[in-house]
Amino acid sequence: MLKVDPRSSTPIYEQIELGIKELILKGALQGGDKIPSVREMAGILTINPNTISKAYGELERDGIIETLRGKGTFVVDNFKSKVDENKMQHISEELKKIILEASYNGMNKDSFVELALKIFSELGVDNK
């Protein structure tokens, strides 16, 4: 399921958020699938429930999951992605850092694009 690296510079709640998004993109989680409650996920990952709650809150704000009182937390059936200018700016800044790092490590543009396409394919987003 999800893997969390406590030594990573990426905050744990963000690792959880990205992990769930990846599982959805790869098809391991489908619309309507129930995901573990905050308490259950905290137990599975041995992480503070507040951290799980923060990740779930971000996913709910993005319209990716929904919590139905008394029933549980589910992947939204018909998720409609939308362009968020703030997130796009953040992605652009992060991508710039990655390209700089790749360039300084000897990777050329063609190799970078090839790697990016491979990752898109692994995530199952090459046709979207």
Protein backbone atom coordinates (compact mmCIF):
# COMPACT_ATOMS: atom_id res chain seq x y z
CA MET A 1 0.00 0.00 0.00
CA LEU A 2 1.63 3.25 1.11
CA LYS A 3 5.27 3.71 2.04
CA VAL A 4 6.46 6.55 4.22
CA ASP A 5 10.09 7.55 4.71
CA PRO A 6 10.51 9.44 7.99
CA ARG A 7 14.02 10.53 6.88
CA SER A 8 12.74 12.19 3.71
CA SER A 9 12.73 15.98 3.41
CA THR A 10 9.14 15.66 2.13
CA PRO A 11 6.68 16.03 5.03
CA ILE A 12 4.98 12.78 5.99
CA TYR A 13 1.47 14.10 5.32
CA GLU A 14 2.60 15.04 1.80
CA GLN A 15 4.10 11.56 1.26
CA ILE A 16 0.73 10.06 2.23
CA GLU A 17 -1.13 12.45 -0.05
CA LEU A 18 1.17 11.70 -2.99
CA GLY A 19 1.03 7.96 -2.25
CA ILE A 20 -2.77 7.91 -2.42
CA LYS A 21 -2.75 9.96 -5.63
CA GLU A 22 -0.26 7.50 -7.13
CA LEU A 23 -2.40 4.50 -6.14
CA ILE A 24 -5.38 6.15 -7.86
CA LEU A 25 -3.42 6.96 -11.02
CA LYS A 26 -2.05 3.42 -11.21
CA GLY A 27 -5.57 2.02 -10.80
CA ALA A 28 -4.88 0.32 -7.47
CA LEU A 29 -7.62 2.54 -6.03
CA GLN A 30 -10.75 3.19 -8.09
CA GLY A 31 -13.59 5.66 -7.73
CA GLY A 32 -15.89 4.46 -4.96
CA ASP A 33 -13.20 2.41 -3.20
CA LYS A 34 -13.12 2.75 0.56
CA ILE A 35 -9.80 3.77 2.07
CA PRO A 36 -8.78 3.16 5.69
CA SER A 37 -10.10 5.60 8.28
CA VAL A 38 -7.69 8.08 9.83
CA ARG A 39 -7.29 5.81 12.86
CA GLU A 40 -6.83 2.66 10.76
CA MET A 41 -4.26 4.33 8.50
CA ALA A 42 -2.40 5.71 11.52
CA GLY A 43 -2.23 2.17 12.90
CA ILE A 44 -1.10 0.68 9.60
CA LEU A 45 1.66 3.26 9.07
CA THR A 46 2.39 3.80 12.79
CA ILE A 47 2.00 7.54 12.32
CA ASN A 48 0.23 10.17 14.39
CA PRO A 49 -3.47 10.36 13.40
CA ASN A 50 -3.19 14.15 13.06
CA THR A 51 -0.71 13.65 10.24
CA ILE A 52 -3.10 11.29 8.43
CA SER A 53 -5.94 13.74 9.05
CA LYS A 54 -3.92 16.54 7.44
CA ALA A 55 -3.22 14.41 4.34
CA TYR A 56 -6.87 13.38 4.06
CA GLY A 57 -7.93 17.01 4.48
CA GLU A 58 -5.74 18.06 1.56
CA LEU A 59 -7.12 15.23 -0.58
CA GLU A 60 -10.69 16.22 0.33
CA ARG A 61 -10.00 19.87 -0.50
CA ASP A 62 -8.75 18.75 -3.91
CA GLY A 63 -11.92 16.70 -4.41
CA ILE A 64 -10.05 13.39 -4.64
CA ILE A 65 -11.59 11.69 -1.60
CA GLU A 66 -14.71 12.25 0.44
CA THR A 67 -15.70 11.27 3.94
CA LEU A 68 -19.28 10.17 4.48
CA ARG A 69 -20.29 10.34 8.11
CA GLY A 70 -20.85 6.90 9.57
CA LYS A 71 -19.78 5.15 6.34
CA GLY A 72 -16.10 5.94 5.84
CA THR A 73 -13.71 7.65 3.47
CA PHE A 74 -13.93 6.91 -0.24
CA VAL A 75 -12.18 7.76 -3.49
CA VAL A 76 -14.45 10.16 -5.39
CA ASP A 77 -16.23 8.47 -8.31
CA ASN A 78 -16.02 11.15 -10.96
CA PHE A 79 -12.99 13.24 -10.08
CA LYS A 80 -12.65 16.24 -12.36
CA SER A 81 -9.14 17.65 -12.37
CA LYS A 82 -8.83 21.40 -12.59
CA VAL A 83 -5.92 23.74 -13.09
CA ASP A 84 -4.88 25.44 -9.85
CA GLU A 85 -2.56 28.34 -10.71
CA ASN A 86 -0.82 28.23 -7.31
CA LYS A 87 -0.11 24.52 -7.62
CA MET A 88 1.03 24.95 -11.21
CA GLN A 89 3.49 27.64 -10.08
CA HIS A 90 4.79 25.29 -7.36
CA ILE A 91 5.14 22.45 -9.88
CA SER A 92 7.02 24.76 -12.24
CA GLU A 93 9.46 25.77 -9.49
CA GLU A 94 10.03 22.16 -8.43
CA LEU A 95 10.50 21.04 -12.03
CA LYS A 96 13.07 23.78 -12.58
CA LYS A 97 15.05 22.49 -9.58
CA ILE A 98 14.87 18.93 -10.92
CA ILE A 99 16.00 19.99 -14.41
CA LEU A 100 18.93 21.95 -12.94
CA GLU A 101 19.95 18.96 -10.82
CA ALA A 102 19.60 16.58 -13.77
CA SER A 103 21.67 18.88 -16.00
CA TYR A 104 24.45 19.17 -13.44
CA ASN A 105 24.49 15.38 -13.21
CA GLY A 106 25.06 14.98 -16.95
CA MET A 107 21.50 14.34 -18.13
CA ASN A 108 20.61 15.96 -21.45
CA LYS A 109 17.18 17.16 -22.58
CA ASP A 110 16.39 14.01 -24.60
CA SER A 111 17.29 11.70 -21.71
CA PHE A 112 15.23 13.83 -19.33
CA VAL A 113 12.18 13.78 -21.60
CA GLU A 114 12.58 10.02 -22.11
CA LEU A 115 12.69 9.50 -18.33
CA ALA A 116 9.66 11.76 -17.82
CA LEU A 117 7.68 9.82 -20.45
CA LYS A 118 8.67 6.53 -18.78
CA ILE A 119 7.39 7.81 -15.42
CA PHE A 120 4.15 9.05 -17.01
CA SER A 121 3.69 5.56 -18.46
CA GLU A 122 4.44 3.84 -15.11
CA LEU A 123 1.80 6.03 -13.47
CA GLY A 124 -0.72 5.27 -16.20
CA VAL A 125 -1.15 8.88 -17.26
CA ASP A 126 0.33 8.67 -20.75
CA ASN A 127 -3.13 8.72 -22.35
CA LYS A 128 -4.62 11.57 -20.31
